Amino acid sequence: MTKTIFVSLPVSNLPASIAFYQALGFQQNPQFSGEDTACMRWSDAICVMLLSHAKWRTLTQRPFPPAGTSGSMLSLAIDSRDAVDAMNLAAAAHGGQADANPAEDHGFMYSRDIADPDGHLWGTFWMDPAAMPPAGQG
């Protein structure tokens, strides 16, 4: 099997979370999905496992983070500035939060952060490495 990252996230409403991630461009993989889980594929090497709270509890008894807090933020590289904006709009239209943090525009890099319906943070960004300032000048 190719080296792959599976990010597991507890979700309170599995169908709503599936719809949210599909609106962002993830594709559901039915082979790794079930009644309490959904595997949402971002790329050949990156998948998000959405787990109902009951399923999550079979993996760990650690407490869920309090609402409004975060323990991590994952970032997704997007093809263009317009695609970053479109993902932000899709997040807001499908139960998530657009601009969960202030947008950043550095010319060579543009980012807008979103949160899914359960508050899991995602950084969405476009970057043009050829336009980056030389090391030590940015």
C-alpha atoms as a PDB file:
ATOM      1  CA  MET A   1       0.000   0.000   0.000  1.00  0.00           C
ATOM      2  CA  THR A   2       1.212   3.502  -0.843  1.00  0.00           C
ATOM      3  CA  LYS A   3       2.100   5.682   2.132  1.00  0.00           C
ATOM      4  CA  THR A   4      -1.161   7.391   2.975  1.00  0.00           C
ATOM      5  CA  ILE A   5      -2.364   9.766   5.685  1.00  0.00           C
ATOM      6  CA  PHE A   6      -5.745   9.026   7.257  1.00  0.00           C
ATOM      7  CA  VAL A   7      -6.848  11.928   9.471  1.00  0.00           C
ATOM      8  CA  SER A   8      -9.574  10.781  11.874  1.00  0.00           C
ATOM      9  CA  LEU A   9     -12.137  13.331  13.071  1.00  0.00           C
ATOM     10  CA  PRO A  10     -15.079  12.866  15.434  1.00  0.00           C
ATOM     11  CA  VAL A  11     -18.293  14.349  14.025  1.00  0.00           C
ATOM     12  CA  SER A  12     -21.684  14.895  15.618  1.00  0.00           C
ATOM     13  CA  ASN A  13     -23.731  14.495  12.415  1.00  0.00           C
ATOM     14  CA  LEU A  14     -22.184  12.093   9.908  1.00  0.00           C
ATOM     15  CA  PRO A  15     -24.502  12.832   6.926  1.00  0.00           C
ATOM     16  CA  ALA A  16     -24.016  16.609   7.358  1.00  0.00           C
ATOM     17  CA  SER A  17     -20.251  16.166   7.593  1.00  0.00           C
ATOM     18  CA  ILE A  18     -20.191  13.984   4.474  1.00  0.00           C
ATOM     19  CA  ALA A  19     -22.111  16.687   2.573  1.00  0.00           C
ATOM     20  CA  PHE A  20     -19.754  19.385   3.887  1.00  0.00           C
ATOM     21  CA  TYR A  21     -16.595  17.578   2.785  1.00  0.00           C
ATOM     22  CA  GLN A  22     -18.097  16.658  -0.591  1.00  0.00           C
ATOM     23  CA  ALA A  23     -18.887  20.360  -1.145  1.00  0.00           C
ATOM     24  CA  LEU A  24     -15.190  21.101  -0.561  1.00  0.00           C
ATOM     25  CA  GLY A  25     -14.141  18.606  -3.234  1.00  0.00           C
ATOM     26  CA  PHE A  26     -13.502  15.461  -1.157  1.00  0.00           C
ATOM     27  CA  GLN A  27     -14.811  12.187  -2.606  1.00  0.00           C
ATOM     28  CA  GLN A  28     -16.328   9.494  -0.414  1.00  0.00           C
ATOM     29  CA  ASN A  29     -14.649   6.096  -0.634  1.00  0.00           C
ATOM     30  CA  PRO A  30     -17.411   3.540   0.041  1.00  0.00           C
ATOM     31  CA  GLN A  31     -14.841   0.757   0.538  1.00  0.00           C
ATOM     32  CA  PHE A  32     -13.732   2.396   3.808  1.00  0.00           C
ATOM     33  CA  SER A  33     -17.103   3.836   4.835  1.00  0.00           C
ATOM     34  CA  GLY A  34     -19.845   2.323   6.954  1.00  0.00           C
ATOM     35  CA  GLU A  35     -22.797   3.097   9.179  1.00  0.00           C
ATOM     36  CA  ASP A  36     -20.724   5.117  11.674  1.00  0.00           C
ATOM     37  CA  THR A  37     -17.810   6.150   9.447  1.00  0.00           C
ATOM     38  CA  ALA A  38     -17.047   7.812   6.149  1.00  0.00           C
ATOM     39  CA  CYS A  39     -13.731   7.882   4.349  1.00  0.00           C
ATOM     40  CA  MET A  40     -13.415  11.160   2.441  1.00  0.00           C
ATOM     41  CA  ARG A  41     -10.589  11.196  -0.109  1.00  0.00           C
ATOM     42  CA  TRP A  42      -8.716  14.437  -0.828  1.00  0.00           C
ATOM     43  CA  SER A  43      -5.983  12.810  -2.943  1.00  0.00           C
ATOM     44  CA  ASP A  44      -4.409   9.417  -3.528  1.00  0.00           C
ATOM     45  CA  ALA A  45      -2.402   9.871  -0.334  1.00  0.00           C
ATOM     46  CA  ILE A  46      -4.714  11.895   1.949  1.00  0.00           C
ATOM     47  CA  CYS A  47      -8.023  10.751   3.418  1.00  0.00           C
ATOM     48  CA  VAL A  48     -10.207  12.074   6.217  1.00  0.00           C
ATOM     49  CA  MET A  49     -12.020   9.490   8.297  1.00  0.00           C
ATOM     50  CA  LEU A  50     -15.229  10.966   9.679  1.00  0.00           C
ATOM     51  CA  LEU A  51     -16.319   9.018  12.747  1.00  0.00           C
ATOM     52  CA  SER A  52     -19.584   9.324  14.647  1.00  0.00           C
ATOM     53  CA  HIS A  53     -19.077  10.166  18.310  1.00  0.00           C
ATOM     54  CA  ALA A  54     -20.087   6.595  19.218  1.00  0.00           C
ATOM     55  CA  LYS A  55     -17.476   5.151  16.834  1.00  0.00           C
ATOM     56  CA  TRP A  56     -14.860   7.622  18.095  1.00  0.00           C
ATOM     57  CA  ARG A  57     -15.465   6.351  21.641  1.00  0.00           C
ATOM     58  CA  THR A  58     -14.374   2.856  20.531  1.00  0.00           C
ATOM     59  CA  LEU A  59     -10.967   4.355  19.685  1.00  0.00           C
ATOM     60  CA  THR A  60     -10.336   6.608  22.686  1.00  0.00           C
ATOM     61  CA  GLN A  61     -11.898   7.784  25.916  1.00  0.00           C
ATOM     62  CA  ARG A  62     -10.052  11.113  25.849  1.00  0.00           C
ATOM     63  CA  PRO A  63     -12.445  14.064  26.165  1.00  0.00           C
ATOM     64  CA  PHE A  64     -13.682  15.967  23.154  1.00  0.00           C
ATOM     65  CA  PRO A  65     -12.165  19.465  22.972  1.00  0.00           C
ATOM     66  CA  PRO A  66     -14.495  22.167  24.308  1.00  0.00           C
ATOM     67  CA  ALA A  67     -16.449  24.016  21.615  1.00  0.00           C
ATOM     68  CA  GLY A  68     -14.504  26.951  20.210  1.00  0.00           C
ATOM     69  CA  THR A  69     -11.084  25.411  20.887  1.00  0.00           C
ATOM     70  CA  SER A  70      -8.694  23.563  18.606  1.00  0.00           C
ATOM     71  CA  GLY A  71      -5.850  21.152  19.046  1.00  0.00           C
ATOM     72  CA  SER A  72      -4.643  21.266  15.473  1.00  0.00           C
ATOM     73  CA  MET A  73      -5.217  22.805  12.081  1.00  0.00           C
ATOM     74  CA  LEU A  74      -4.590  20.874   8.896  1.00  0.00           C
ATOM     75  CA  SER A  75      -3.830  22.697   5.660  1.00  0.00           C
ATOM     76  CA  LEU A  76      -4.808  21.962   2.080  1.00  0.00           C
ATOM     77  CA  ALA A  77      -2.903  23.304  -0.920  1.00  0.00           C
ATOM     78  CA  ILE A  78      -5.355  24.589  -3.533  1.00  0.00           C
ATOM     79  CA  ASP A  79      -4.782  25.274  -7.256  1.00  0.00           C
ATOM     80  CA  SER A  80      -5.540  29.008  -7.306  1.00  0.00           C
ATOM     81  CA  ARG A  81      -6.599  32.044  -5.301  1.00  0.00           C
ATOM     82  CA  ASP A  82     -10.085  31.733  -6.817  1.00  0.00           C
ATOM     83  CA  ALA A  83     -10.265  28.095  -5.679  1.00  0.00           C
ATOM     84  CA  VAL A  84      -9.353  29.167  -2.127  1.00  0.00           C
ATOM     85  CA  ASP A  85     -12.190  31.713  -2.223  1.00  0.00           C
ATOM     86  CA  ALA A  86     -14.597  29.116  -3.664  1.00  0.00           C
ATOM     87  CA  MET A  87     -13.744  26.626  -0.916  1.00  0.00           C
ATOM     88  CA  ASN A  88     -14.361  29.332   1.690  1.00  0.00           C
ATOM     89  CA  LEU A  89     -17.805  30.033   0.208  1.00  0.00           C
ATOM     90  CA  ALA A  90     -18.597  26.300   0.043  1.00  0.00           C
ATOM     91  CA  ALA A  91     -17.665  25.887   3.709  1.00  0.00           C
ATOM     92  CA  ALA A  92     -20.067  28.635   4.764  1.00  0.00           C
ATOM     93  CA  ALA A  93     -22.852  27.325   2.521  1.00  0.00           C
ATOM     94  CA  HIS A  94     -22.620  23.780   3.914  1.00  0.00           C
ATOM     95  CA  GLY A  95     -22.698  24.281   7.674  1.00  0.00           C
ATOM     96  CA  GLY A  96     -19.092  25.274   8.279  1.00  0.00           C
ATOM     97  CA  GLN A  97     -17.416  28.586   8.998  1.00  0.00           C
ATOM     98  CA  ALA A  98     -15.647  30.712   6.413  1.00  0.00           C
ATOM     99  CA  ASP A  99     -12.678  32.828   7.488  1.00  0.00           C
ATOM    100  CA  ALA A 100     -12.273  31.094  10.849  1.00  0.00           C
ATOM    101  CA  ASN A 101      -9.104  33.187  11.133  1.00  0.00           C
ATOM    102  CA  PRO A 102      -8.205  36.386   9.269  1.00  0.00           C
ATOM    103  CA  ALA A 103      -7.294  35.883   5.616  1.00  0.00           C
ATOM    104  CA  GLU A 104      -3.635  36.347   4.699  1.00  0.00           C
ATOM    105  CA  ASP A 105      -2.286  37.662   1.401  1.00  0.00           C
ATOM    106  CA  HIS A 106       1.489  37.728   0.995  1.00  0.00           C
ATOM    107  CA  GLY A 107       1.446  38.047  -2.794  1.00  0.00           C
ATOM    108  CA  PHE A 108       3.166  34.709  -3.395  1.00  0.00           C
ATOM    109  CA  MET A 109       0.819  32.992  -0.901  1.00  0.00           C
ATOM    110  CA  TYR A 110      -2.878  33.474  -0.175  1.00  0.00           C
ATOM    111  CA  SER A 111      -4.769  31.688   2.584  1.00  0.00           C
ATOM    112  CA  ARG A 112      -8.209  31.570   4.167  1.00  0.00           C
ATOM    113  CA  ASP A 113      -9.035  29.238   7.029  1.00  0.00           C
ATOM    114  CA  ILE A 114     -12.299  27.363   7.402  1.00  0.00           C
ATOM    115  CA  ALA A 115     -13.929  25.238  10.089  1.00  0.00           C
ATOM    116  CA  ASP A 116     -16.128  22.216   9.447  1.00  0.00           C
ATOM    117  CA  PRO A 117     -19.534  21.854  11.177  1.00  0.00           C
ATOM    118  CA  ASP A 118     -17.800  20.403  14.272  1.00  0.00           C
ATOM    119  CA  GLY A 119     -15.193  23.180  14.425  1.00  0.00           C
ATOM    120  CA  HIS A 120     -12.241  21.211  12.983  1.00  0.00           C
ATOM    121  CA  LEU A 121      -9.925  23.808  11.425  1.00  0.00           C
ATOM    122  CA  TRP A 122      -8.562  23.635   7.892  1.00  0.00           C
ATOM    123  CA  GLY A 123      -6.142  26.086   6.349  1.00  0.00           C
ATOM    124  CA  THR A 124      -6.759  26.474   2.617  1.00  0.00           C
ATOM    125  CA  PHE A 125      -3.993  28.145   0.661  1.00  0.00           C
ATOM    126  CA  TRP A 126      -2.554  28.825  -2.769  1.00  0.00           C
ATOM    127  CA  MET A 127       1.145  29.451  -3.186  1.00  0.00           C
ATOM    128  CA  ASP A 128       3.430  30.334  -6.084  1.00  0.00           C
ATOM    129  CA  PRO A 129       6.910  29.153  -4.969  1.00  0.00           C
ATOM    130  CA  ALA A 130       8.534  30.949  -7.950  1.00  0.00           C
ATOM    131  CA  ALA A 131       7.269  34.283  -6.595  1.00  0.00           C
ATOM    132  CA  MET A 132       8.582  33.740  -3.078  1.00  0.00           C
ATOM    133  CA  PRO A 133      11.125  36.278  -1.847  1.00  0.00           C
ATOM    134  CA  PRO A 134      14.676  34.961  -1.466  1.00  0.00           C
ATOM    135  CA  ALA A 135      15.469  33.316   1.860  1.00  0.00           C
ATOM    136  CA  GLY A 136      15.985  35.866   4.607  1.00  0.00           C
ATOM    137  CA  GLN A 137      14.035  38.584   2.739  1.00  0.00           C
ATOM    138  CA  GLY A 138      10.460  37.621   3.614  1.00  0.00           C
END
